[in-house]
């Protein structure tokens, strides 16, 4: 029979089943570890109390055994001395110590058995704790790997949404537009210069014509 009653909500028997359905296995394992640590602490406290009680019972057993032997020796000495009455008193106390030895020996055996059982259960709890703690570290590593993988997928996904060829096509179109604008402005400037030069030639021709007209006019006046 168990020395103490387990009160954990989660036991090793149900932990694996609940882990399969848990969205956050690390949180569930942490709950198990907290409850197990509390149970270990309670078991250690009970073990300390049982150890003290067992030592007291052992002292009673040793004392009864010592006094039993002592009273028997005293009874023998009384008989040798011819003190039969004292011998009977010693034997009477010896019988009392025999009864006490039997009673406390039985209690000591029960307590020692319970103490050994408690120690075994404590070792079992500590073994469970270490095994589940190792599993907790494993699940934590898996979840951390998953979290980092999800972050990487998000970043890769954002990169993937950018169509590089289309991006450069748009850039090519923009640069082409800028080059066309530049060529258009250059052609316009050149056309303007050509018009200016043509205008200058036309004006020069007009001036020459005007000058020739004035010369003819002067020549006519001179003739008069």
N, C-alpha and C. Protein backbone atom coordinates (compact mmCIF):
# COMPACT_ATOMS: atom_id res chain seq x y z
N UNK A 1 0.85 -1.20 0.00
CA UNK A 1 0.00 0.00 0.00
C UNK A 1 0.88 1.25 0.00
N UNK A 2 0.50 2.24 -0.76
CA UNK A 2 1.29 3.46 -0.85
C UNK A 2 1.31 4.21 0.46
N UNK A 3 2.49 4.75 0.80
CA UNK A 3 2.62 5.50 2.05
C UNK A 3 1.88 6.82 1.96
N UNK A 4 1.90 7.47 0.79
CA UNK A 4 1.19 8.73 0.62
C UNK A 4 0.37 8.69 -0.66
N UNK A 5 -0.70 9.42 -0.68
CA UNK A 5 -1.63 9.41 -1.81
C UNK A 5 -1.20 10.46 -2.83
N UNK A 6 -1.15 10.04 -4.06
CA UNK A 6 -0.80 10.99 -5.12
C UNK A 6 -1.99 11.89 -5.45
N UNK A 7 -1.69 13.18 -5.57
CA UNK A 7 -2.77 14.14 -5.84
C UNK A 7 -2.50 14.91 -7.13
N UNK A 8 -1.58 14.45 -7.93
CA UNK A 8 -1.28 15.17 -9.17
C UNK A 8 -2.44 15.07 -10.16
N UNK A 9 -2.66 16.16 -10.88
CA UNK A 9 -3.65 16.13 -11.96
C UNK A 9 -3.12 15.34 -13.15
N UNK A 10 -1.80 15.37 -13.33
CA UNK A 10 -1.17 14.68 -14.45
C UNK A 10 -0.23 13.62 -13.89
N UNK A 11 -0.32 12.43 -14.42
CA UNK A 11 0.61 11.36 -14.07
C UNK A 11 1.30 10.91 -15.34
N UNK A 12 2.36 10.14 -15.17
CA UNK A 12 3.08 9.64 -16.34
C UNK A 12 2.16 8.80 -17.22
N UNK A 13 1.21 8.12 -16.58
CA UNK A 13 0.29 7.26 -17.34
C UNK A 13 -0.59 8.06 -18.30
N UNK A 14 -0.92 9.31 -17.94
CA UNK A 14 -1.79 10.13 -18.78
C UNK A 14 -1.04 11.22 -19.53
N UNK A 15 0.23 11.43 -19.19
CA UNK A 15 0.96 12.53 -19.80
C UNK A 15 1.11 12.36 -21.30
N UNK A 16 1.53 11.17 -21.74
CA UNK A 16 1.73 10.96 -23.17
C UNK A 16 0.44 11.15 -23.97
N UNK A 17 -0.67 10.67 -23.40
CA UNK A 17 -1.96 10.82 -24.08
C UNK A 17 -2.34 12.29 -24.21
N UNK A 18 -2.11 13.05 -23.14
CA UNK A 18 -2.47 14.48 -23.18
C UNK A 18 -1.50 15.28 -24.03
N UNK A 19 -0.26 14.81 -24.13
CA UNK A 19 0.70 15.52 -24.98
C UNK A 19 0.28 15.48 -26.44
N UNK A 20 -0.32 14.37 -26.86
CA UNK A 20 -0.74 14.24 -28.25
C UNK A 20 -1.82 15.25 -28.62
N UNK A 21 -2.60 15.70 -27.62
CA UNK A 21 -3.70 16.62 -27.87
C UNK A 21 -3.36 18.05 -27.47
N UNK A 22 -2.20 18.26 -26.87
CA UNK A 22 -1.84 19.58 -26.35
C UNK A 22 -1.31 20.47 -27.46
N UNK A 23 -1.77 21.72 -27.49
CA UNK A 23 -1.25 22.69 -28.43
C UNK A 23 0.11 23.21 -27.98
N UNK A 24 0.33 23.22 -26.66
CA UNK A 24 1.60 23.66 -26.11
C UNK A 24 2.13 22.57 -25.18
N UNK A 25 2.84 21.57 -25.72
CA UNK A 25 3.30 20.45 -24.87
C UNK A 25 4.26 20.90 -23.78
N UNK A 26 5.07 21.93 -24.04
CA UNK A 26 6.02 22.38 -23.02
C UNK A 26 5.28 22.90 -21.79
N UNK A 27 4.20 23.63 -22.01
CA UNK A 27 3.41 24.14 -20.89
C UNK A 27 2.81 23.00 -20.08
N UNK A 28 2.33 21.98 -20.77
CA UNK A 28 1.74 20.83 -20.07
C UNK A 28 2.82 20.09 -19.28
N UNK A 29 3.99 19.92 -19.85
CA UNK A 29 5.08 19.24 -19.15
C UNK A 29 5.53 20.06 -17.95
N UNK A 30 5.59 21.38 -18.10
CA UNK A 30 5.96 22.24 -16.97
C UNK A 30 4.99 22.08 -15.82
N UNK A 31 3.70 21.95 -16.13
CA UNK A 31 2.70 21.73 -15.09
C UNK A 31 2.97 20.42 -14.36
N UNK A 32 3.29 19.38 -15.15
CA UNK A 32 3.62 18.08 -14.55
C UNK A 32 4.85 18.19 -13.65
N UNK A 33 5.87 18.91 -14.11
CA UNK A 33 7.10 19.03 -13.32
C UNK A 33 6.86 19.79 -12.02
N UNK A 34 6.04 20.83 -12.09
CA UNK A 34 5.73 21.59 -10.86
C UNK A 34 5.03 20.69 -9.85
N UNK A 35 4.03 19.94 -10.32
CA UNK A 35 3.30 19.05 -9.41
C UNK A 35 4.21 17.95 -8.87
N UNK A 36 5.11 17.45 -9.70
CA UNK A 36 6.02 16.39 -9.25
C UNK A 36 7.00 16.94 -8.22
N UNK A 37 7.51 18.16 -8.44
CA UNK A 37 8.41 18.76 -7.45
C UNK A 37 7.71 18.93 -6.11
N UNK A 38 6.46 19.36 -6.14
CA UNK A 38 5.70 19.50 -4.90
C UNK A 38 5.53 18.16 -4.21
N UNK A 39 5.25 17.13 -5.00
CA UNK A 39 5.07 15.80 -4.43
C UNK A 39 6.37 15.26 -3.85
N UNK A 40 7.48 15.52 -4.53
CA UNK A 40 8.78 15.10 -4.01
C UNK A 40 9.07 15.80 -2.70
N UNK A 41 8.77 17.11 -2.63
CA UNK A 41 9.00 17.87 -1.40
C UNK A 41 8.17 17.30 -0.25
N UNK A 42 6.90 16.97 -0.52
CA UNK A 42 6.05 16.38 0.51
C UNK A 42 6.57 15.01 0.94
N UNK A 43 7.04 14.23 -0.04
CA UNK A 43 7.58 12.90 0.28
C UNK A 43 8.85 13.02 1.12
N UNK A 44 9.70 13.98 0.80
CA UNK A 44 10.92 14.18 1.58
C UNK A 44 10.59 14.62 3.01
N UNK A 45 9.58 15.46 3.15
CA UNK A 45 9.16 15.88 4.49
C UNK A 45 8.64 14.69 5.27
N UNK A 46 7.81 13.87 4.63
CA UNK A 46 7.28 12.67 5.29
C UNK A 46 8.39 11.69 5.60
N UNK A 47 9.36 11.59 4.71
CA UNK A 47 10.49 10.70 4.93
C UNK A 47 11.28 11.14 6.16
N UNK A 48 11.46 12.44 6.30
CA UNK A 48 12.17 12.95 7.48
C UNK A 48 11.42 12.60 8.76
N UNK A 49 10.10 12.75 8.74
CA UNK A 49 9.29 12.42 9.92
C UNK A 49 9.34 10.92 10.21
N UNK A 50 9.24 10.12 9.16
CA UNK A 50 9.28 8.67 9.33
C UNK A 50 10.64 8.22 9.85
N UNK A 51 11.69 8.85 9.37
CA UNK A 51 13.03 8.48 9.82
C UNK A 51 13.19 8.74 11.31
N UNK A 52 12.70 9.92 11.75
CA UNK A 52 12.77 10.23 13.18
C UNK A 52 11.96 9.26 14.01
N UNK A 53 10.76 8.94 13.55
CA UNK A 53 9.90 8.01 14.27
C UNK A 53 10.54 6.61 14.32
N UNK A 54 11.12 6.19 13.20
CA UNK A 54 11.75 4.87 13.15
C UNK A 54 12.95 4.80 14.11
N UNK A 55 13.72 5.88 14.18
CA UNK A 55 14.85 5.90 15.11
C UNK A 55 14.37 5.79 16.56
N UNK A 56 13.27 6.46 16.88
CA UNK A 56 12.73 6.36 18.24
C UNK A 56 12.28 4.94 18.57
N UNK A 57 11.63 4.30 17.61
CA UNK A 57 11.21 2.92 17.83
C UNK A 57 12.41 2.00 18.01
N UNK A 58 13.45 2.25 17.20
CA UNK A 58 14.67 1.43 17.34
C UNK A 58 15.30 1.62 18.72
N UNK A 59 15.26 2.83 19.22
CA UNK A 59 15.78 3.09 20.56
C UNK A 59 14.99 2.32 21.61
N UNK A 60 13.66 2.27 21.46
CA UNK A 60 12.82 1.52 22.39
C UNK A 60 13.14 0.03 22.32
N UNK A 61 13.34 -0.47 21.12
CA UNK A 61 13.68 -1.89 20.95
C UNK A 61 15.01 -2.19 21.62
N UNK A 62 16.01 -1.35 21.35
CA UNK A 62 17.34 -1.57 21.93
C UNK A 62 17.29 -1.47 23.45
N UNK A 63 16.52 -0.51 23.95
CA UNK A 63 16.43 -0.35 25.41
C UNK A 63 15.75 -1.56 26.04
N UNK A 64 14.66 -2.05 25.44
CA UNK A 64 13.96 -3.21 25.99
C UNK A 64 14.86 -4.44 25.95
N UNK A 65 15.61 -4.60 24.85
CA UNK A 65 16.51 -5.74 24.74
C UNK A 65 17.61 -5.68 25.79
N UNK A 66 18.15 -4.49 26.02
CA UNK A 66 19.21 -4.32 27.02
C UNK A 66 18.69 -4.60 28.43
N UNK A 67 17.52 -4.04 28.74
CA UNK A 67 16.96 -4.21 30.09
C UNK A 67 16.54 -5.65 30.32
N UNK A 68 16.08 -6.32 29.30
CA UNK A 68 15.70 -7.73 29.44
C UNK A 68 16.91 -8.56 29.85
N UNK A 69 18.02 -8.35 29.14
CA UNK A 69 19.25 -9.09 29.49
C UNK A 69 19.74 -8.70 30.88
N UNK A 70 19.62 -7.43 31.20
CA UNK A 70 20.09 -6.95 32.51
C UNK A 70 19.29 -7.56 33.65
N UNK A 71 17.96 -7.61 33.51
CA UNK A 71 17.12 -8.17 34.58
C UNK A 71 17.36 -9.68 34.73
N UNK A 72 17.65 -10.36 33.64
CA UNK A 72 17.94 -11.79 33.75
C UNK A 72 19.24 -12.01 34.53
N UNK A 73 20.25 -11.20 34.27
CA UNK A 73 21.51 -11.30 34.99
C UNK A 73 21.31 -10.99 36.48
N UNK A 74 20.46 -9.98 36.72
CA UNK A 74 20.19 -9.63 38.11
C UNK A 74 19.45 -10.76 38.83
N UNK A 75 18.54 -11.44 38.13
CA UNK A 75 17.82 -12.56 38.74
C UNK A 75 18.79 -13.68 39.09
N UNK A 76 19.76 -13.95 38.20
CA UNK A 76 20.75 -14.99 38.47
C UNK A 76 21.61 -14.63 39.68
N UNK A 77 22.02 -13.39 39.77
CA UNK A 77 22.82 -12.95 40.90
C UNK A 77 22.04 -13.05 42.21
N UNK A 78 20.72 -12.72 42.13
CA UNK A 78 19.89 -12.79 43.34
C UNK A 78 19.75 -14.23 43.81
N UNK A 79 19.60 -15.13 42.85
CA UNK A 79 19.48 -16.54 43.23
C UNK A 79 20.78 -17.06 43.86
N UNK A 80 21.91 -16.66 43.28
CA UNK A 80 23.20 -17.08 43.83
C UNK A 80 23.38 -16.56 45.26
N UNK A 81 22.79 -15.38 45.48
CA UNK A 81 22.92 -14.77 46.82
C UNK A 81 21.86 -15.27 47.77
N UNK A 82 20.99 -16.15 47.28
CA UNK A 82 19.93 -16.68 48.13
C UNK A 82 18.77 -15.72 48.30
N UNK A 83 18.73 -14.69 47.44
CA UNK A 83 17.64 -13.70 47.51
C UNK A 83 16.58 -14.06 46.47
N UNK A 84 15.81 -15.08 46.75
CA UNK A 84 14.79 -15.55 45.80
C UNK A 84 13.73 -14.49 45.53
N UNK A 85 13.37 -13.72 46.56
CA UNK A 85 12.34 -12.67 46.38
C UNK A 85 12.83 -11.63 45.38
N UNK A 86 14.10 -11.23 45.49
CA UNK A 86 14.65 -10.25 44.54
C UNK A 86 14.76 -10.85 43.15
N UNK A 87 15.05 -12.16 43.12
CA UNK A 87 15.14 -12.83 41.82
C UNK A 87 13.78 -12.81 41.11
N UNK A 88 12.71 -13.02 41.84
CA UNK A 88 11.37 -12.98 41.25
C UNK A 88 11.03 -11.58 40.74
N UNK A 89 11.40 -10.57 41.51
CA UNK A 89 11.13 -9.19 41.07
C UNK A 89 11.87 -8.90 39.76
N UNK A 90 13.11 -9.37 39.70
CA UNK A 90 13.90 -9.15 38.48
C UNK A 90 13.29 -9.88 37.30
N UNK A 91 12.85 -11.14 37.54
CA UNK A 91 12.22 -11.91 36.46
C UNK A 91 10.89 -11.30 36.03
N UNK A 92 10.18 -10.71 36.99
CA UNK A 92 8.90 -10.06 36.67
C UNK A 92 9.14 -8.88 35.72
N UNK A 93 10.18 -8.09 36.03
CA UNK A 93 10.49 -6.95 35.14
C UNK A 93 11.00 -7.46 33.78
N UNK A 94 11.70 -8.60 33.83
CA UNK A 94 12.19 -9.17 32.58
C UNK A 94 11.03 -9.51 31.66
N UNK A 95 9.96 -10.08 32.23
CA UNK A 95 8.79 -10.41 31.43
C UNK A 95 8.15 -9.16 30.83
N UNK A 96 8.13 -8.08 31.58
CA UNK A 96 7.58 -6.81 31.08
C UNK A 96 8.41 -6.30 29.89
N UNK A 97 9.72 -6.43 30.03
CA UNK A 97 10.59 -5.96 28.95
C UNK A 97 10.51 -6.89 27.73
N UNK A 98 10.24 -8.17 27.96
CA UNK A 98 10.02 -9.07 26.83
C UNK A 98 8.79 -8.67 26.04
N UNK A 99 7.72 -8.34 26.76
CA UNK A 99 6.50 -7.88 26.09
C UNK A 99 6.74 -6.57 25.34
N UNK A 100 7.45 -5.67 26.02
CA UNK A 100 7.76 -4.38 25.38
C UNK A 100 8.63 -4.60 24.14
N UNK A 101 9.61 -5.49 24.25
CA UNK A 101 10.48 -5.77 23.11
C UNK A 101 9.68 -6.32 21.93
N UNK A 102 8.76 -7.21 22.22
CA UNK A 102 7.94 -7.77 21.15
C UNK A 102 7.07 -6.70 20.50
N UNK A 103 6.45 -5.85 21.31
CA UNK A 103 5.57 -4.80 20.79
C UNK A 103 6.35 -3.79 19.93
N UNK A 104 7.45 -3.31 20.50
CA UNK A 104 8.21 -2.28 19.77
C UNK A 104 8.97 -2.86 18.58
N UNK A 105 9.32 -4.13 18.67
CA UNK A 105 9.95 -4.76 17.51
C UNK A 105 8.99 -4.81 16.33
N UNK A 106 7.72 -5.11 16.64
CA UNK A 106 6.70 -5.17 15.59
C UNK A 106 6.48 -3.77 14.98
N UNK A 107 6.38 -2.76 15.88
CA UNK A 107 6.20 -1.39 15.39
C UNK A 107 7.41 -0.92 14.58
N UNK A 108 8.58 -1.30 15.04
CA UNK A 108 9.80 -0.91 14.33
C UNK A 108 9.85 -1.55 12.94
N UNK A 109 9.46 -2.81 12.86
CA UNK A 109 9.45 -3.50 11.56
C UNK A 109 8.48 -2.84 10.60
N UNK A 110 7.28 -2.48 11.10
CA UNK A 110 6.29 -1.81 10.25
C UNK A 110 6.81 -0.45 9.77
N UNK A 111 7.38 0.30 10.70
CA UNK A 111 7.89 1.62 10.35
C UNK A 111 9.05 1.53 9.37
N UNK A 112 9.92 0.55 9.58
CA UNK A 112 11.07 0.39 8.69
C UNK A 112 10.61 -0.02 7.29
N UNK A 113 9.60 -0.87 7.22
CA UNK A 113 9.06 -1.27 5.93
C UNK A 113 8.44 -0.09 5.20
N UNK A 114 7.67 0.72 5.96
CA UNK A 114 7.06 1.91 5.36
C UNK A 114 8.13 2.90 4.90
N UNK A 115 9.19 3.04 5.69
CA UNK A 115 10.27 3.96 5.33
C UNK A 115 10.95 3.50 4.04
N UNK A 116 11.19 2.21 3.93
CA UNK A 116 11.80 1.68 2.70
C UNK A 116 10.88 1.87 1.50
N UNK A 117 9.58 1.70 1.73
CA UNK A 117 8.62 1.89 0.65
C UNK A 117 8.59 3.35 0.22
N UNK A 118 8.64 4.23 1.19
CA UNK A 118 8.63 5.67 0.89
C UNK A 118 9.89 6.06 0.11
N UNK A 119 11.03 5.52 0.50
CA UNK A 119 12.27 5.80 -0.21
C UNK A 119 12.18 5.32 -1.67
N UNK A 120 11.58 4.14 -1.86
CA UNK A 120 11.41 3.63 -3.22
C UNK A 120 10.51 4.54 -4.04
N UNK A 121 9.43 5.02 -3.43
CA UNK A 121 8.52 5.92 -4.14
C UNK A 121 9.19 7.26 -4.45
N UNK A 122 10.00 7.74 -3.51
CA UNK A 122 10.74 8.99 -3.76
C UNK A 122 11.69 8.82 -4.94
N UNK A 123 12.39 7.70 -4.97
CA UNK A 123 13.30 7.44 -6.10
C UNK A 123 12.53 7.33 -7.41
N UNK A 124 11.34 6.73 -7.35
CA UNK A 124 10.51 6.63 -8.55
C UNK A 124 10.08 8.01 -9.02
N UNK A 125 9.68 8.87 -8.08
CA UNK A 125 9.28 10.23 -8.44
C UNK A 125 10.44 11.00 -9.06
N UNK A 126 11.61 10.86 -8.47
CA UNK A 126 12.77 11.57 -8.99
C UNK A 126 13.15 11.06 -10.37
N UNK A 127 13.02 9.76 -10.57
CA UNK A 127 13.30 9.19 -11.90
C UNK A 127 12.29 9.70 -12.92
N UNK A 128 11.00 9.73 -12.52
CA UNK A 128 9.96 10.27 -13.40
C UNK A 128 10.25 11.72 -13.73
N UNK A 129 10.62 12.48 -12.72
CA UNK A 129 10.88 13.91 -12.92
C UNK A 129 12.00 14.11 -13.93
N UNK A 130 13.10 13.37 -13.77
CA UNK A 130 14.24 13.53 -14.67
C UNK A 130 13.87 13.11 -16.08
N UNK A 131 13.12 12.01 -16.21
CA UNK A 131 12.74 11.54 -17.54
C UNK A 131 11.84 12.55 -18.25
N UNK A 132 10.87 13.09 -17.51
CA UNK A 132 9.95 14.07 -18.11
C UNK A 132 10.67 15.38 -18.38
N UNK A 133 11.60 15.75 -17.51
CA UNK A 133 12.38 16.97 -17.74
C UNK A 133 13.18 16.84 -19.04
N UNK A 134 13.78 15.68 -19.26
CA UNK A 134 14.51 15.47 -20.51
C UNK A 134 13.56 15.57 -21.70
N UNK A 135 12.35 15.02 -21.56
CA UNK A 135 11.37 15.12 -22.64
C UNK A 135 10.96 16.58 -22.85
N UNK A 136 10.88 17.31 -21.76
CA UNK A 136 10.53 18.73 -21.85
C UNK A 136 11.57 19.48 -22.66
N UNK A 137 12.86 19.20 -22.42
CA UNK A 137 13.92 19.85 -23.17
C UNK A 137 13.83 19.48 -24.66
N UNK A 138 13.46 18.24 -24.93
CA UNK A 138 13.33 17.79 -26.32
C UNK A 138 12.19 18.52 -27.02
N UNK A 139 11.02 18.59 -26.35
CA UNK A 139 9.88 19.28 -26.94
C UNK A 139 10.16 20.78 -27.10
N UNK A 140 10.85 21.35 -26.13
CA UNK A 140 11.20 22.77 -26.23
C UNK A 140 12.08 23.01 -27.46
N UNK A 141 13.05 22.12 -27.66
CA UNK A 141 13.93 22.25 -28.82
C UNK A 141 13.13 22.12 -30.11
N UNK A 142 12.17 21.18 -30.14
CA UNK A 142 11.34 21.02 -31.33
C UNK A 142 10.50 22.25 -31.60
N UNK A 143 9.89 22.81 -30.55
CA UNK A 143 9.04 23.99 -30.74
C UNK A 143 9.88 25.19 -31.14
N UNK A 144 11.08 25.31 -30.59
CA UNK A 144 11.95 26.41 -30.99
C UNK A 144 12.36 26.27 -32.45
N UNK A 145 12.64 25.04 -32.86
CA UNK A 145 12.96 24.79 -34.27
C UNK A 145 11.78 25.16 -35.16
N UNK A 146 10.57 24.78 -34.72
CA UNK A 146 9.37 25.11 -35.48
C UNK A 146 9.15 26.61 -35.55
N UNK A 147 9.36 27.31 -34.42
CA UNK A 147 9.17 28.76 -34.40
C UNK A 147 10.13 29.45 -35.36
N UNK A 148 11.39 29.04 -35.33
CA UNK A 148 12.38 29.64 -36.22
C UNK A 148 12.09 29.30 -37.68
N UNK A 149 11.61 28.07 -37.92
CA UNK A 149 11.25 27.68 -39.28
C UNK A 149 10.10 28.53 -39.80
N UNK A 150 9.10 28.79 -38.93
CA UNK A 150 7.97 29.62 -39.33
C UNK A 150 8.43 31.04 -39.65
N UNK A 151 9.33 31.58 -38.84
CA UNK A 151 9.85 32.93 -39.12
C UNK A 151 10.60 32.95 -40.45
N UNK A 152 11.39 31.92 -40.69
CA UNK A 152 12.12 31.85 -41.95
C UNK A 152 11.16 31.75 -43.13
N UNK A 153 10.08 30.94 -42.96
CA UNK A 153 9.10 30.80 -44.03
C UNK A 153 8.41 32.13 -44.32
N UNK A 154 8.12 32.89 -43.25
CA UNK A 154 7.49 34.19 -43.43
C UNK A 154 8.40 35.12 -44.23
N UNK A 155 9.68 35.12 -43.87
CA UNK A 155 10.61 36.00 -44.57
C UNK A 155 10.80 35.53 -46.02
N UNK A 156 10.92 34.20 -46.19
CA UNK A 156 11.06 33.70 -47.55
C UNK A 156 9.80 33.97 -48.35
N UNK A 157 8.65 33.91 -47.67
CA UNK A 157 7.39 34.19 -48.35
C UNK A 157 7.33 35.63 -48.82
N UNK A 158 7.83 36.54 -47.98
CA UNK A 158 7.82 37.95 -48.37
C UNK A 158 8.77 38.18 -49.53
N UNK A 159 9.89 37.43 -49.52
CA UNK A 159 10.79 37.55 -50.67
C UNK A 159 10.14 36.99 -51.92
N UNK A 160 9.43 35.91 -51.76
CA UNK A 160 8.83 35.25 -52.91
C UNK A 160 7.75 36.07 -53.57
N UNK A 161 7.12 37.00 -52.83
CA UNK A 161 6.04 37.81 -53.41
C UNK A 161 6.59 38.86 -54.35
N UNK A 162 7.90 39.11 -54.28
CA UNK A 162 8.49 40.10 -55.17
C UNK A 162 8.94 39.39 -56.44
N UNK A 163 8.22 39.69 -57.57
CA UNK A 163 8.56 39.09 -58.85
C UNK A 163 9.74 39.86 -59.43
N UNK A 164 10.94 39.27 -59.33
CA UNK A 164 12.15 39.97 -59.75
C UNK A 164 12.11 40.34 -61.23
N UNK A 165 11.73 39.40 -62.11
CA UNK A 165 11.69 39.80 -63.54
C UNK A 165 10.75 40.98 -63.78
N UNK A 166 9.56 40.94 -63.18
CA UNK A 166 8.62 42.04 -63.38
C UNK A 166 9.17 43.34 -62.81
N UNK A 167 9.88 43.20 -61.67
CA UNK A 167 10.44 44.39 -61.06
C UNK A 167 11.44 45.05 -62.00
N UNK A 168 12.29 44.24 -62.64
CA UNK A 168 13.27 44.80 -63.56
C UNK A 168 12.61 45.26 -64.86
N UNK A 169 11.52 44.61 -65.24
CA UNK A 169 10.80 45.08 -66.42
C UNK A 169 10.24 46.47 -66.18
N UNK A 170 9.67 46.66 -64.97
CA UNK A 170 9.16 47.99 -64.65
C UNK A 170 10.28 49.02 -64.61
N UNK A 171 11.42 48.59 -64.08
CA UNK A 171 12.58 49.50 -64.04
C UNK A 171 13.05 49.82 -65.45
N UNK A 172 13.06 48.82 -66.33
CA UNK A 172 13.47 49.03 -67.70
C UNK A 172 12.54 50.01 -68.41
N UNK A 173 11.21 49.85 -68.16
CA UNK A 173 10.24 50.77 -68.76
C UNK A 173 10.47 52.19 -68.28
N UNK A 174 10.75 52.34 -66.98
CA UNK A 174 10.96 53.67 -66.43
C UNK A 174 12.20 54.32 -67.01
N UNK A 175 13.28 53.54 -67.10
CA UNK A 175 14.52 54.07 -67.66
C UNK A 175 14.33 54.43 -69.13
N UNK A 176 13.60 53.57 -69.83
CA UNK A 176 13.33 53.86 -71.25
C UNK A 176 12.54 55.16 -71.40
N UNK A 177 11.55 55.34 -70.50
CA UNK A 177 10.78 56.59 -70.53
C UNK A 177 11.67 57.79 -70.28
N UNK A 178 12.57 57.66 -69.33
CA UNK A 178 13.48 58.77 -69.02
C UNK A 178 14.40 59.04 -70.21
N UNK A 179 14.89 57.96 -70.86
CA UNK A 179 15.76 58.16 -72.02
C UNK A 179 14.98 58.81 -73.16
N UNK A 180 13.74 58.40 -73.34
CA UNK A 180 12.92 59.01 -74.40
C UNK A 180 12.70 60.50 -74.14
N UNK A 181 12.42 60.83 -72.87
CA UNK A 181 12.24 62.24 -72.52
C UNK A 181 13.50 63.02 -72.80
N UNK A 182 14.64 62.43 -72.42
CA UNK A 182 15.90 63.12 -72.66
C UNK A 182 16.14 63.33 -74.16
N UNK A 183 15.88 62.30 -74.95
CA UNK A 183 16.05 62.43 -76.41
C UNK A 183 15.09 63.47 -76.98
N UNK A 184 13.87 63.47 -76.46
CA UNK A 184 12.88 64.43 -76.95
C UNK A 184 13.32 65.85 -76.67
N UNK A 185 13.81 66.07 -75.44
CA UNK A 185 14.28 67.42 -75.11
C UNK A 185 15.48 67.81 -75.98
N UNK A 186 16.38 66.88 -76.22
CA UNK A 186 17.55 67.17 -77.05
C UNK A 186 17.13 67.50 -78.47
N UNK A 187 16.19 66.68 -79.00
CA UNK A 187 15.72 66.94 -80.35
C UNK A 187 15.01 68.28 -80.45
N UNK A 188 14.27 68.59 -79.35
CA UNK A 188 13.55 69.87 -79.37
C UNK A 188 14.52 71.04 -79.36
N UNK A 189 15.57 70.91 -78.54
CA UNK A 189 16.57 71.98 -78.50
C UNK A 189 17.26 72.13 -79.87
N UNK A 190 17.56 70.99 -80.47
CA UNK A 190 18.22 71.03 -81.77
C UNK A 190 17.31 71.66 -82.83
N UNK A 191 16.02 71.29 -82.74
CA UNK A 191 15.07 71.88 -83.70
C UNK A 191 14.96 73.38 -83.48
N UNK A 192 14.97 73.78 -82.21
CA UNK A 192 14.89 75.21 -81.91
C UNK A 192 16.10 75.95 -82.43
N UNK A 193 17.28 75.36 -82.30
CA UNK A 193 18.49 75.99 -82.82
C UNK A 193 18.45 76.08 -84.34
N UNK A 194 17.95 75.04 -84.97
CA UNK A 194 17.83 75.05 -86.43
C UNK A 194 16.88 76.14 -86.88
N UNK A 195 15.75 76.25 -86.14
CA UNK A 195 14.79 77.31 -86.48
C UNK A 195 15.41 78.68 -86.30
N UNK A 196 16.21 78.81 -85.23
CA UNK A 196 16.86 80.08 -84.97
C UNK A 196 17.85 80.40 -86.09
N UNK A 197 18.60 79.41 -86.50
CA UNK A 197 19.55 79.62 -87.58
C UNK A 197 18.84 79.96 -88.89
N UNK A 198 17.74 79.23 -89.14
CA UNK A 198 16.96 79.53 -90.34
C UNK A 198 16.39 80.94 -90.29
N UNK A 199 15.93 81.31 -89.09
CA UNK A 199 15.38 82.66 -88.92
C UNK A 199 16.46 83.70 -89.16
N UNK A 200 17.67 83.42 -88.65
CA UNK A 200 18.78 84.36 -88.88
C UNK A 200 19.10 84.48 -90.35
N UNK A 201 19.09 83.43 -91.07
CA UNK A 201 19.37 83.46 -92.52
C UNK A 201 18.30 84.26 -93.26
N UNK A 202 17.05 84.06 -92.85
CA UNK A 202 15.95 84.80 -93.51
C UNK A 202 16.07 86.28 -93.24
N UNK A 203 16.41 86.63 -92.00
CA UNK A 203 16.55 88.05 -91.65
C UNK A 203 17.71 88.67 -92.44
N UNK A 204 18.80 87.92 -92.52
CA UNK A 204 19.97 88.44 -93.24
C UNK A 204 19.61 88.70 -94.72
N UNK A 205 18.83 87.78 -95.27
CA UNK A 205 18.42 87.96 -96.67
C UNK A 205 17.53 89.18 -96.83
N UNK A 206 16.65 89.37 -95.84
CA UNK A 206 15.75 90.53 -95.88
C UNK A 206 16.56 91.83 -95.78
N UNK A 207 17.55 91.78 -94.87
CA UNK A 207 18.40 92.97 -94.72
C UNK A 207 19.12 93.30 -96.01
N UNK A 208 19.63 92.30 -96.67
CA UNK A 208 20.34 92.51 -97.93
C UNK A 208 19.41 93.12 -98.97
N UNK A 209 18.19 92.58 -98.97
CA UNK A 209 17.21 93.10 -99.93
C UNK A 209 16.89 94.57 -99.64
N UNK A 210 16.73 94.87 -98.32
CA UNK A 210 16.44 96.25 -97.93
C UNK A 210 17.60 97.17 -98.28
N UNK A 211 18.80 96.65 -98.02
CA UNK A 211 19.99 97.46 -98.32
C UNK A 211 20.08 97.74 -99.84
N UNK A 212 19.79 96.73 -100.62
CA UNK A 212 19.84 96.91 -102.08
C UNK A 212 18.78 97.90 -102.53
N UNK A 213 17.61 97.85 -101.89
CA UNK A 213 16.54 98.78 -102.24
C UNK A 213 16.94 100.21 -101.94
N UNK A 214 17.58 100.38 -100.74
CA UNK A 214 18.01 101.74 -100.37
C UNK A 214 19.06 102.26 -101.33
N UNK A 215 19.97 101.38 -101.75
CA UNK A 215 21.02 101.80 -102.69
C UNK A 215 20.40 102.25 -104.01
N UNK A 216 19.40 101.52 -104.47
CA UNK A 216 18.73 101.92 -105.71
C UNK A 216 18.05 103.27 -105.55
N UNK A 217 17.48 103.48 -104.38
CA UNK A 217 16.78 104.72 -104.11
C UNK A 217 17.76 105.89 -104.11
N UNK A 218 18.92 105.70 -103.52
CA UNK A 218 19.94 106.74 -103.50
C UNK A 218 20.43 107.02 -104.91
N UNK A 219 20.60 105.99 -105.68
CA UNK A 219 21.08 106.19 -107.03
C UNK A 219 20.09 107.02 -107.84
N UNK A 220 18.83 106.82 -107.68
CA UNK A 220 17.81 107.57 -108.38
C UNK A 220 17.85 109.02 -107.99
N UNK A 221 18.02 109.33 -106.71
CA UNK A 221 18.12 110.72 -106.24
C UNK A 221 19.37 111.40 -106.85
N UNK A 222 20.41 110.65 -106.98
CA UNK A 222 21.63 111.24 -107.52
C UNK A 222 21.45 111.60 -108.98
N UNK A 223 20.75 110.87 -109.66
CA UNK A 223 20.51 111.14 -111.05
C UNK A 223 19.66 112.36 -111.21
N UNK A 224 18.83 112.66 -110.30
CA UNK A 224 17.98 113.84 -110.40
C UNK A 224 18.79 115.07 -110.10
